[in-house]
Amino acid sequence: MPRTARTASGGAVYHVLNRGNGLRRVFRKPGDYLAFTNLLVAAQERAAVEVFAFCLMPKHWHLLLRPEGDGDLAA
């Protein structure tokens, strides 16, 4: 049975992270890091989310961000 979707309140600060499946690498070459940061900038322009910090490592990444409105985190 699927879990209930979490609510994401606007104005709250969230720590978002993602890991590669089976601890595999997410970023394989230097250009992958640049591509991710470019996607992050593009997403920030589309959704009202303030990015405070991010950390990219070969097997996972972390974001510290604050969505402006309710539901903006999912957007």
C-alpha atoms as a PDB file:
ATOM      1  CA  MET A   1       0.000   0.000   0.000  1.00  0.00           C
ATOM      2  CA  PRO A   2       1.497   3.402  -0.956  1.00  0.00           C
ATOM      3  CA  ARG A   3       2.238   5.889   1.755  1.00  0.00           C
ATOM      4  CA  THR A   4       0.269   9.091   2.159  1.00  0.00           C
ATOM      5  CA  ALA A   5       1.832  12.068   0.410  1.00  0.00           C
ATOM      6  CA  ARG A   6       3.595  14.484   2.738  1.00  0.00           C
ATOM      7  CA  THR A   7       2.424  18.059   2.959  1.00  0.00           C
ATOM      8  CA  ALA A   8       4.944  20.765   2.216  1.00  0.00           C
ATOM      9  CA  SER A   9       4.053  24.040   3.883  1.00  0.00           C
ATOM     10  CA  GLY A  10       5.260  27.242   2.329  1.00  0.00           C
ATOM     11  CA  GLY A  11       7.789  29.228   4.327  1.00  0.00           C
ATOM     12  CA  ALA A  12       9.300  26.184   6.044  1.00  0.00           C
ATOM     13  CA  VAL A  13      12.913  25.146   5.438  1.00  0.00           C
ATOM     14  CA  TYR A  14      13.465  21.625   4.061  1.00  0.00           C
ATOM     15  CA  HIS A  15      16.490  19.368   3.752  1.00  0.00           C
ATOM     16  CA  VAL A  16      16.002  17.413   0.517  1.00  0.00           C
ATOM     17  CA  LEU A  17      18.353  14.635  -0.526  1.00  0.00           C
ATOM     18  CA  ASN A  18      18.601  11.871  -3.078  1.00  0.00           C
ATOM     19  CA  ARG A  19      20.931   8.881  -3.408  1.00  0.00           C
ATOM     20  CA  GLY A  20      21.811   6.657  -6.330  1.00  0.00           C
ATOM     21  CA  ASN A  21      20.163   3.239  -6.463  1.00  0.00           C
ATOM     22  CA  GLY A  22      22.266   0.590  -4.766  1.00  0.00           C
ATOM     23  CA  LEU A  23      24.783   3.275  -3.734  1.00  0.00           C
ATOM     24  CA  ARG A  24      25.733   3.768  -7.386  1.00  0.00           C
ATOM     25  CA  ARG A  25      27.175   7.039  -8.602  1.00  0.00           C
ATOM     26  CA  VAL A  26      24.772   9.806  -9.569  1.00  0.00           C
ATOM     27  CA  PHE A  27      27.480  12.048 -11.019  1.00  0.00           C
ATOM     28  CA  ARG A  28      29.907  10.165 -13.256  1.00  0.00           C
ATOM     29  CA  LYS A  29      31.867  13.013 -14.855  1.00  0.00           C
ATOM     30  CA  PRO A  30      32.504  16.714 -14.108  1.00  0.00           C
ATOM     31  CA  GLY A  31      29.895  17.817 -16.651  1.00  0.00           C
ATOM     32  CA  ASP A  32      27.192  15.985 -14.680  1.00  0.00           C
ATOM     33  CA  TYR A  33      27.665  18.404 -11.767  1.00  0.00           C
ATOM     34  CA  LEU A  34      27.280  21.382 -14.093  1.00  0.00           C
ATOM     35  CA  ALA A  35      24.179  19.869 -15.711  1.00  0.00           C
ATOM     36  CA  PHE A  36      22.600  19.384 -12.270  1.00  0.00           C
ATOM     37  CA  THR A  37      23.306  22.970 -11.198  1.00  0.00           C
ATOM     38  CA  ASN A  38      21.851  24.228 -14.494  1.00  0.00           C
ATOM     39  CA  LEU A  39      18.686  22.180 -13.844  1.00  0.00           C
ATOM     40  CA  LEU A  40      18.529  23.546 -10.311  1.00  0.00           C
ATOM     41  CA  VAL A  41      18.694  27.146 -11.595  1.00  0.00           C
ATOM     42  CA  ALA A  42      16.020  26.444 -14.225  1.00  0.00           C
ATOM     43  CA  ALA A  43      13.743  24.828 -11.629  1.00  0.00           C
ATOM     44  CA  GLN A  44      14.225  27.763  -9.275  1.00  0.00           C
ATOM     45  CA  GLU A  45      13.101  30.132 -12.042  1.00  0.00           C
ATOM     46  CA  ARG A  46       9.906  28.073 -12.602  1.00  0.00           C
ATOM     47  CA  ALA A  47       8.932  27.478  -8.973  1.00  0.00           C
ATOM     48  CA  ALA A  48       8.960  29.905  -6.072  1.00  0.00           C
ATOM     49  CA  VAL A  49      11.645  28.148  -4.029  1.00  0.00           C
ATOM     50  CA  GLU A  50      14.617  29.778  -2.318  1.00  0.00           C
ATOM     51  CA  VAL A  51      17.766  27.628  -2.354  1.00  0.00           C
ATOM     52  CA  PHE A  52      20.001  28.306   0.648  1.00  0.00           C
ATOM     53  CA  ALA A  53      22.651  25.671   0.018  1.00  0.00           C
ATOM     54  CA  PHE A  54      23.400  22.549  -1.946  1.00  0.00           C
ATOM     55  CA  CYS A  55      26.047  19.853  -1.794  1.00  0.00           C
ATOM     56  CA  LEU A  56      26.757  17.498  -4.683  1.00  0.00           C
ATOM     57  CA  MET A  57      28.725  14.321  -4.080  1.00  0.00           C
ATOM     58  CA  PRO A  58      29.394  11.430  -6.456  1.00  0.00           C
ATOM     59  CA  LYS A  59      26.723   9.141  -4.975  1.00  0.00           C
ATOM     60  CA  HIS A  60      24.150  11.644  -3.647  1.00  0.00           C
ATOM     61  CA  TRP A  61      23.128  15.265  -3.274  1.00  0.00           C
ATOM     62  CA  HIS A  62      21.591  17.546  -0.625  1.00  0.00           C
ATOM     63  CA  LEU A  63      19.519  20.730  -0.940  1.00  0.00           C
ATOM     64  CA  LEU A  64      18.508  23.176   1.777  1.00  0.00           C
ATOM     65  CA  LEU A  65      15.553  25.176   0.527  1.00  0.00           C
ATOM     66  CA  ARG A  66      12.386  27.062   1.398  1.00  0.00           C
ATOM     67  CA  PRO A  67       9.295  26.952  -0.827  1.00  0.00           C
ATOM     68  CA  GLU A  68       7.328  30.196  -0.900  1.00  0.00           C
ATOM     69  CA  GLY A  69       3.812  28.730  -0.918  1.00  0.00           C
ATOM     70  CA  ASP A  70       2.094  25.509   0.020  1.00  0.00           C
ATOM     71  CA  GLY A  71       2.793  22.846  -2.613  1.00  0.00           C
ATOM     72  CA  ASP A  72       5.728  24.730  -4.181  1.00  0.00           C
ATOM     73  CA  LEU A  73       8.188  22.094  -2.977  1.00  0.00           C
ATOM     74  CA  ALA A  74       6.626  19.464  -5.234  1.00  0.00           C
ATOM     75  CA  ALA A  75       6.580  21.877  -8.179  1.00  0.00           C
END
